[in-house]
Every structure is written in structure tokens, then in C-alpha cells.
Protein backbone atom coordinates (compact mmCIF):
# COMPACT_ATOMS: atom_id res chain seq x y z
CA MET A 1 72.78 83.43 -124.79
CA ILE A 2 73.59 80.41 -123.04
CA ILE A 3 75.16 77.62 -124.90
CA TYR A 4 74.67 74.06 -122.98
CA PHE A 5 77.30 71.25 -124.19
CA LEU A 6 76.98 67.53 -124.06
CA SER A 7 79.77 65.08 -125.35
CA GLU A 8 79.66 61.53 -126.20
CA VAL A 9 82.69 60.85 -124.32
CA PRO A 10 84.45 63.27 -121.82
CA ALA A 11 86.40 66.12 -123.59
CA ALA A 12 88.20 69.26 -122.72
CA LEU A 13 86.34 72.28 -124.20
CA ARG A 14 88.06 75.42 -125.57
CA LEU A 15 86.12 78.52 -126.47
CA ASN A 16 87.99 81.12 -128.57
CA GLY A 17 91.26 79.26 -127.59
CA THR A 18 90.59 79.58 -124.02
CA TYR A 19 90.19 76.45 -121.58
CA ALA A 20 86.40 76.26 -120.51
CA GLY A 21 86.23 72.82 -118.61
CA ILE A 22 85.17 69.29 -119.27
CA ILE A 23 82.14 68.35 -121.10
CA ASP A 24 80.42 64.84 -121.03
CA GLY A 25 77.16 63.22 -120.44
CA PHE A 26 76.10 65.80 -118.05
CA VAL A 27 74.92 69.11 -119.39
CA ARG A 28 77.73 72.06 -118.96
CA ARG A 29 76.73 75.58 -119.72
CA ALA A 30 78.55 78.72 -121.20
CA GLU A 31 76.90 81.85 -120.54
CA GLY A 32 77.01 85.30 -122.35
CA VAL A 33 78.08 83.71 -125.59
CA GLU A 34 77.52 86.17 -128.24
CA GLY A 35 78.83 86.61 -131.90
CA GLU A 36 81.02 83.90 -133.57
CA ILE A 37 82.74 81.77 -131.19
CA PHE A 38 85.37 79.20 -132.27
CA VAL A 39 84.74 75.87 -130.36
CA GLU A 40 87.16 72.92 -129.91
CA ALA A 41 86.54 69.99 -128.02
CA VAL A 42 89.43 67.51 -127.39
CA PRO A 43 88.28 64.07 -126.26
CA SER A 44 90.05 62.24 -123.44
CA ASP A 45 90.08 58.63 -125.31
CA ASN A 46 92.76 59.73 -127.87
CA ARG A 47 90.19 60.15 -130.81
CA LEU A 48 90.60 63.12 -132.82
CA PRO A 49 89.32 66.61 -131.76
CA VAL A 50 86.34 68.37 -133.43
CA ASN A 51 86.07 72.20 -133.99
CA PHE A 52 83.40 74.64 -135.33
CA MET A 53 82.41 78.25 -135.28
CA LEU A 54 79.16 78.82 -133.29
CA GLY A 55 77.23 81.30 -135.30
CA ASP A 56 74.25 81.83 -137.46
CA GLU A 57 75.31 79.08 -140.05
CA PHE A 58 75.90 76.63 -137.35
CA PHE A 59 72.65 77.02 -135.78
CA SER A 60 70.68 76.66 -139.02
CA SER A 61 72.59 73.86 -140.54
CA PRO A 62 74.83 72.11 -138.02
CA PRO A 63 77.87 69.59 -139.08
CA PRO A 64 77.04 65.89 -139.20
CA PHE A 65 78.91 65.10 -135.73
CA VAL A 66 76.69 67.20 -133.64
CA ASP A 67 72.88 67.47 -132.78
CA VAL A 68 71.72 71.07 -132.05
CA TYR A 69 68.68 71.79 -129.90
CA LEU A 70 67.11 75.19 -129.88
CA LEU A 71 65.71 76.37 -126.59
CA GLY A 72 64.23 79.61 -127.16
CA GLY A 73 66.88 82.05 -127.28
CA ASP A 74 69.39 79.55 -125.99
CA ALA A 75 70.81 76.40 -127.42
CA LEU A 76 72.11 72.92 -126.53
CA VAL A 77 75.07 71.55 -128.48
CA LYS A 78 75.64 67.74 -128.30
CA ILE A 79 78.95 66.45 -129.80
CA LYS A 80 78.09 62.65 -130.63
CA ASN A 81 80.92 61.61 -132.92
CA TYR A 82 84.60 61.77 -132.82
CA ALA A 83 86.80 60.35 -135.56
CA PHE A 84 89.12 57.55 -134.52
CA LYS A 85 92.83 58.24 -135.15
CA ASP A 86 93.52 54.58 -136.04
CA THR A 87 92.14 54.28 -139.44
CA SER A 88 93.80 50.93 -140.16
CA LEU A 89 91.33 48.31 -141.79
CA ARG A 90 90.13 45.56 -139.48
CA LEU A 91 87.50 43.04 -140.23
CA ILE A 92 84.68 42.45 -137.83
CA CYS A 93 82.89 39.69 -139.50
CA GLN A 94 81.91 38.64 -143.09
CA SER A 95 79.56 36.43 -145.08
CA ARG A 96 78.78 35.34 -148.73
CA PHE A 97 74.95 35.71 -149.13
CA CYS A 98 72.77 35.25 -152.08
CA GLY A 99 75.81 35.91 -154.35
CA HIS A 100 76.89 38.98 -152.33
CA LEU A 101 79.86 39.54 -150.24
CA VAL A 102 78.87 41.21 -146.99
CA THR A 103 81.83 42.82 -144.93
CA LEU A 104 81.42 44.55 -141.70
CA CYS A 105 84.54 46.29 -140.83
CA ARG A 106 86.39 49.05 -138.86
CA ARG A 107 88.30 51.84 -140.67
CA GLY A 108 88.11 54.56 -138.08
CA GLY A 109 84.48 54.04 -137.56
CA VAL A 110 82.27 50.82 -138.30
CA ALA A 111 81.33 50.32 -141.78
CA LEU A 112 79.08 48.00 -143.93
CA CYS A 113 80.46 47.09 -147.36
CA ILE A 114 78.33 45.10 -149.66
CA ASP A 115 79.90 43.74 -152.96
CA LYS A 116 76.78 42.83 -154.78
CA SER A 117 76.54 39.92 -157.42
CA ASP A 118 75.93 42.52 -160.28
CA GLY A 119 79.26 44.04 -159.67
CA SER A 120 78.19 47.28 -157.68
CA VAL A 121 79.36 48.18 -154.34
CA THR A 122 77.41 49.65 -151.46
CA LEU A 123 79.29 51.18 -148.49
CA ARG A 124 77.21 52.36 -145.35
CA ASP A 125 78.58 53.92 -142.05
CA MET A 126 77.21 52.08 -139.13
CA ASP A 127 76.48 52.72 -135.32
CA GLU A 128 79.23 52.04 -132.90
CA GLY A 129 77.09 49.13 -131.30
CA PHE A 130 77.95 47.11 -134.29
CA SER A 131 81.40 47.06 -133.37
CA SER A 132 81.13 43.46 -131.95
CA ALA A 133 78.39 42.14 -134.23
CA GLN A 134 78.10 38.78 -135.94
CA MET A 135 76.20 37.40 -139.05
CA LYS A 136 73.56 34.80 -139.45
CA GLU A 137 71.43 33.69 -142.21
CA GLY A 138 67.61 33.30 -141.92
CA GLU A 139 64.22 33.60 -143.41
CA VAL A 140 61.18 36.07 -142.73
CA GLY A 141 58.02 35.30 -144.65
CA GLY A 142 59.74 33.02 -146.96
CA HIS A 143 62.32 35.13 -148.08
CA LYS A 144 66.19 34.83 -147.41
CA VAL A 145 67.82 37.57 -145.16
CA LEU A 146 71.22 38.11 -143.67
CA CYS A 147 71.14 39.31 -139.85
CA ILE A 148 73.96 41.35 -138.72
CA TYR A 149 73.23 41.52 -134.87
CA SER A 150 74.92 42.50 -131.54
CA GLU A 151 73.64 42.83 -128.11
CA SER A 152 71.91 46.19 -128.81
CA ARG A 153 71.66 46.47 -132.77
CA LEU A 154 70.17 44.66 -135.72
CA ALA A 155 70.72 45.22 -139.40
CA ILE A 156 69.06 42.98 -142.15
CA VAL A 157 70.26 42.54 -145.59
CA SER A 158 67.79 41.41 -148.23
CA GLU A 159 68.49 38.70 -151.17
CA GLY A 160 68.79 41.85 -153.29
CA GLY A 161 71.93 43.18 -151.11
CA LYS A 162 70.07 45.84 -149.78
CA VAL A 163 70.00 46.95 -145.77
CA VAL A 164 66.12 46.62 -145.36
CA PHE A 165 66.36 47.20 -141.56
CA CYS A 166 68.77 48.74 -139.06
CA ASN A 167 67.65 49.78 -135.49
CA ALA A 168 68.58 49.46 -131.78
CA VAL A 169 66.98 46.29 -130.49
CA LYS A 170 67.05 44.19 -127.35
CA SER A 171 66.24 40.98 -129.03
CA TYR A 172 64.77 39.66 -132.23
CA SER A 173 63.05 36.48 -133.85
CA LEU A 174 62.43 35.41 -137.33
CA GLY A 175 59.71 33.36 -138.88
CA ASN A 176 56.40 34.24 -140.71
CA MET A 177 57.25 37.84 -139.39
CA LEU A 178 60.28 39.86 -137.85
CA GLY A 179 59.57 40.36 -134.14
CA VAL A 180 61.74 42.63 -132.33
CA THR A 181 61.88 43.94 -128.76
CA VAL A 182 63.25 47.56 -128.06
CA SER A 183 64.34 49.03 -124.68
CA PHE A 184 63.56 52.85 -124.16
CA SER A 185 65.37 54.74 -121.78
CA THR A 186 62.45 55.91 -119.78
CA CYS A 187 61.40 56.53 -116.14
CA ALA A 188 59.01 53.61 -116.40
CA GLY A 189 61.54 51.41 -118.09
CA ALA A 190 59.38 50.58 -121.27
CA ILE A 191 59.66 48.08 -123.50
CA GLY A 192 58.29 47.86 -127.11
CA GLU A 193 57.38 44.80 -128.94
CA CYS A 194 56.82 44.92 -132.42
CA ASN A 195 56.04 42.74 -135.52
CA TYR A 196 56.62 43.38 -139.16
CA SER A 197 55.86 41.46 -142.27
CA PHE A 198 58.27 41.09 -145.10
CA ASP A 199 57.74 41.14 -149.08
CA GLY A 200 61.35 40.57 -149.90
CA SER A 201 62.27 44.11 -150.37
CA ALA A 202 60.84 46.13 -147.43
CA PHE A 203 59.29 45.38 -143.82
CA THR A 204 55.83 46.70 -142.91
CA PRO A 205 54.68 47.19 -139.36
CA VAL A 206 51.77 44.70 -138.58
CA SER A 207 51.54 45.10 -134.60
CA GLY A 208 53.16 46.58 -131.77
CA ARG A 209 52.65 47.41 -128.12
CA THR A 210 54.48 49.25 -125.17
CA VAL A 211 54.65 48.15 -121.73
CA GLU A 212 56.26 49.86 -118.87
CA THR A 213 58.03 47.59 -116.50
CA ARG A 214 58.68 49.63 -113.11
CA PRO A 215 56.72 51.94 -110.92
CA VAL A 216 57.46 55.68 -111.47
CA ALA A 217 58.26 58.11 -108.39
CA ASP A 218 55.70 60.73 -107.72
CA GLU A 219 58.38 63.55 -108.62
CA VAL A 220 58.74 62.31 -112.06
CA LYS A 221 55.35 61.26 -112.95
CA HIS A 222 54.89 64.13 -115.19
CA PHE A 223 57.81 63.39 -117.09
CA ALA A 224 56.83 59.70 -117.38
CA PHE A 225 53.46 60.66 -118.62
CA PHE A 226 55.26 62.55 -121.85
CA GLU A 227 57.45 59.63 -122.26
CA SER A 228 54.47 57.24 -122.35
CA ILE A 229 53.03 59.34 -125.12
CA LEU A 230 56.20 59.08 -127.06
CA THR A 231 56.69 55.38 -126.80
CA ARG A 232 52.92 54.47 -127.53
CA ALA A 233 52.44 53.28 -123.95
CA ASP A 234 49.23 53.39 -121.92
CA ALA A 235 49.27 57.15 -121.23
CA SER A 236 45.88 56.94 -119.61
CA ALA A 237 47.44 55.29 -116.54
CA TYR A 238 48.75 58.84 -116.03
CA LEU A 239 45.69 60.90 -116.20
CA CYS A 240 42.81 61.71 -113.93
CA GLY A 241 39.45 60.13 -114.31
CA GLU A 242 37.88 62.89 -116.56
CA LEU A 243 40.79 62.83 -119.05
CA LYS A 244 41.44 59.08 -119.25
CA GLY A 245 39.21 58.68 -122.09
CA ARG A 246 41.01 61.27 -124.15
CA ALA A 247 44.38 59.77 -123.87
CA GLY A 248 44.30 58.61 -127.70
CA GLU A 249 44.10 62.31 -128.68
CA LEU A 250 47.28 63.40 -127.08
CA GLY A 251 49.57 62.33 -129.73
CA ALA A 252 47.87 64.39 -132.23
CA TYR A 253 47.61 67.21 -129.96
CA LEU A 254 51.29 67.32 -128.90
CA GLY A 255 52.59 66.29 -132.57
CA ASP A 256 55.60 64.35 -133.79
CA PHE A 257 58.08 64.86 -131.21
CA VAL A 258 60.96 62.39 -131.08
CA ASP A 259 62.33 62.90 -127.42
CA VAL A 260 61.56 64.11 -123.86
CA VAL A 261 64.24 66.18 -122.29
CA ILE A 262 64.78 67.64 -118.78
CA PRO A 263 64.12 71.60 -119.09
CA PRO A 264 67.66 73.56 -118.40
CA GLN A 265 67.80 75.12 -115.10
CA LYS A 266 67.10 78.71 -116.54
CA PHE A 267 63.58 77.53 -117.64
CA TYR A 268 62.84 76.71 -113.89
CA GLU A 269 64.36 79.94 -112.80
CA SER A 270 62.39 82.02 -115.29
CA THR A 271 58.98 80.31 -115.33
CA GLY A 272 58.73 78.78 -111.62
CA GLU A 273 57.20 75.58 -113.06
CA GLU A 274 58.09 72.48 -111.45
CA ARG A 275 56.17 69.83 -113.45
CA ALA A 276 57.43 70.29 -116.94
CA ALA A 277 59.21 68.72 -119.75
CA GLY A 278 60.86 69.63 -122.90
CA LEU A 279 59.59 67.84 -126.11
CA VAL A 280 61.99 67.73 -129.08
CA TYR A 281 60.64 68.22 -132.64
CA PRO A 282 63.16 67.69 -135.71
CA LEU A 283 63.57 70.62 -138.08
CA LYS A 284 66.19 69.13 -140.31
CA GLU A 285 68.92 66.75 -139.99
CA ASN A 286 70.77 67.29 -136.83
CA LEU A 287 68.69 70.41 -135.85
CA PHE A 288 65.73 70.16 -133.47
CA ARG A 289 63.43 72.62 -131.61
CA VAL A 290 62.40 71.70 -127.97
CA ARG A 291 58.91 73.10 -126.90
CA PHE A 292 58.11 72.97 -123.14
CA TYR A 293 54.90 71.85 -121.66
CA ALA A 294 53.87 71.76 -117.99
CA ALA A 295 51.53 69.22 -116.61
CA ASP A 296 49.21 70.19 -113.83
CA MET A 297 48.74 67.33 -111.13
CA ARG A 298 46.19 66.28 -108.80
CA GLY A 299 46.42 63.32 -106.59
CA GLY A 300 49.34 62.06 -108.59
CA LEU A 301 47.65 62.23 -111.82
CA VAL A 302 47.62 64.64 -114.58
CA GLU A 303 44.59 66.63 -115.09
CA ASN A 304 45.91 69.47 -117.51
CA ILE A 305 48.77 70.07 -119.91
CA ARG A 306 49.87 73.37 -121.39
CA GLY A 307 52.56 74.89 -123.34
CA VAL A 308 54.95 77.17 -121.40
CA ASP A 309 57.16 79.91 -123.15
CA TYR A 310 60.57 80.90 -121.59
């Protein structure tokens, strides 16, 4: 069994106590991993290390600080969170809003605390992207909202003191509706533009479109094709003439995948496929299965897609 490792920050990896190298944003692999293995990752930026036992329980119910991707008989383990050693309380921003006290602070990680007007308290862990956020009041559809925003994140608190929107965004606008733009990390630099109506308690998608902002090199066109389906861009631009009219059917055919990843080296070695991508399907919290699809190309356009076992 091959285990591939990724880490949010560079970290020293130990397997059963033996130093196994540095893991970071580039995939590293450990071969011949069998049975239960004790894994420890020590980050380089003075955060706390994490450790776990690789075994059946880990691969069926991963801990919350990792994402696990099942790759046939192999697996990829992505360590996405390390706790901070400094747990002192630090205020990021704070606002009184509709009788509530809304506080964004750091105590180890970033957290949002809402002391509601009825005396109840809500505490929510937030993404690190909110570490330099600000707060600003506004209105959507005539309802007051509190926006907690940074360069890459937006959270919205309703008049009732609930977080009703929280997502990565490039920009946003308020008015009759909430408008957001979202940047996708795709080969074609896709940007999504979405509009949501608001009834005071929940946002409802009204309209959206995705545009691709840059040309794609021929050697990754098959990859960009699968990304266009994921981001709801115009996938017909990648299809040959006979298939263009069926672009709208591809989402239902491929199912609800949430990411497109590069297949591991072992995939290419064992299948010989050169135009393939891994589609990521969620199984449960932090656990995913990767299915592989190849794209047959003609004249730089896709003429067929097929599943590949490995």
C-alpha cells in the first residue's frame, strides 16, 4: 500500500518513530505501508504536532484535522490543521448588532462568538482566512445584516444573531440581493458570479454564471474540461462537434464530485493513460473517494470520456 502525504505547512514526518522526510504542499509518498503505523507530523512554524494511528479505523473515520482520499488500494492523507501553541485571547474585531455582541477573536485558532440579546451564546470555529477580518453593517433585501469580511472570506450574521452565510469570496455587494464573486483554482482561472435573495433568515441562490479568464495549454485541456464541469462553466468549449449539444448531461453522468485532482504517479505507471483526472466524491466528513476518468482527445477537443480502474 502506498500512502501519499500532504501538509498545510512544511512539517517533519515520522513513521513509527523514524524520520521519513519533510511533507508540504507537494505530494510525498511512503511505500509498503502495512498494518497499523504510528504517524507524527511536526510543523516548522512552531504550531503543535499532530499524531494518529494509520489503520482501518483511521481510514473509515478520519480525525477532524485531516482529509483522507481513498485511491483504490492506496490513500492520500492531507493534514490541514495544526493547533497553535499560543492560546492567549486576542481580539480581531467586535461590533454590537441588533442587540447582539459579535466578537471575532483568536484563541489558538480563529473563533466567532455571538452573545445574543436573549442571553444565549454561540461559538463557531472560523477559517484562518478571517484572521484579519473587519465588520460592517448593511442590508440585503431590506433586512439588516452584519458582514464579517477579509480579502478572501465573507461571513454574514442575521438580525436573529445567526451565521447565515460563510464562504470564500473574491468580492461581494449588498442591495436587493447579495452578489458574490468567487475565484476557483482552475487551469482556466474560472470566476463564479452568484446572486442570492434573502428573507431575513436564509439565502437562496437566484442566478449564477462561471467565466473562464485565460487560455489553457493543450497538455492540460482534459483536466480543464473536468474542472469546467465542476465549476459550472461552459464545458461545451472543450467538446468536439458531435458532443457539444450534450454538455448539459455531463454533470448528471459524472455525479456530485467536489474537486478535480492529478492522478498519482502509480496511476500513470499502471494504466498508461496520459489524459486522465481524478474526480473527488465525498463519503463522509473528511473522507473522500477518488474515481479516475480519461478523456479521449481529437484535434484538441474531447470526443469521449471513460472511467479507468487502477
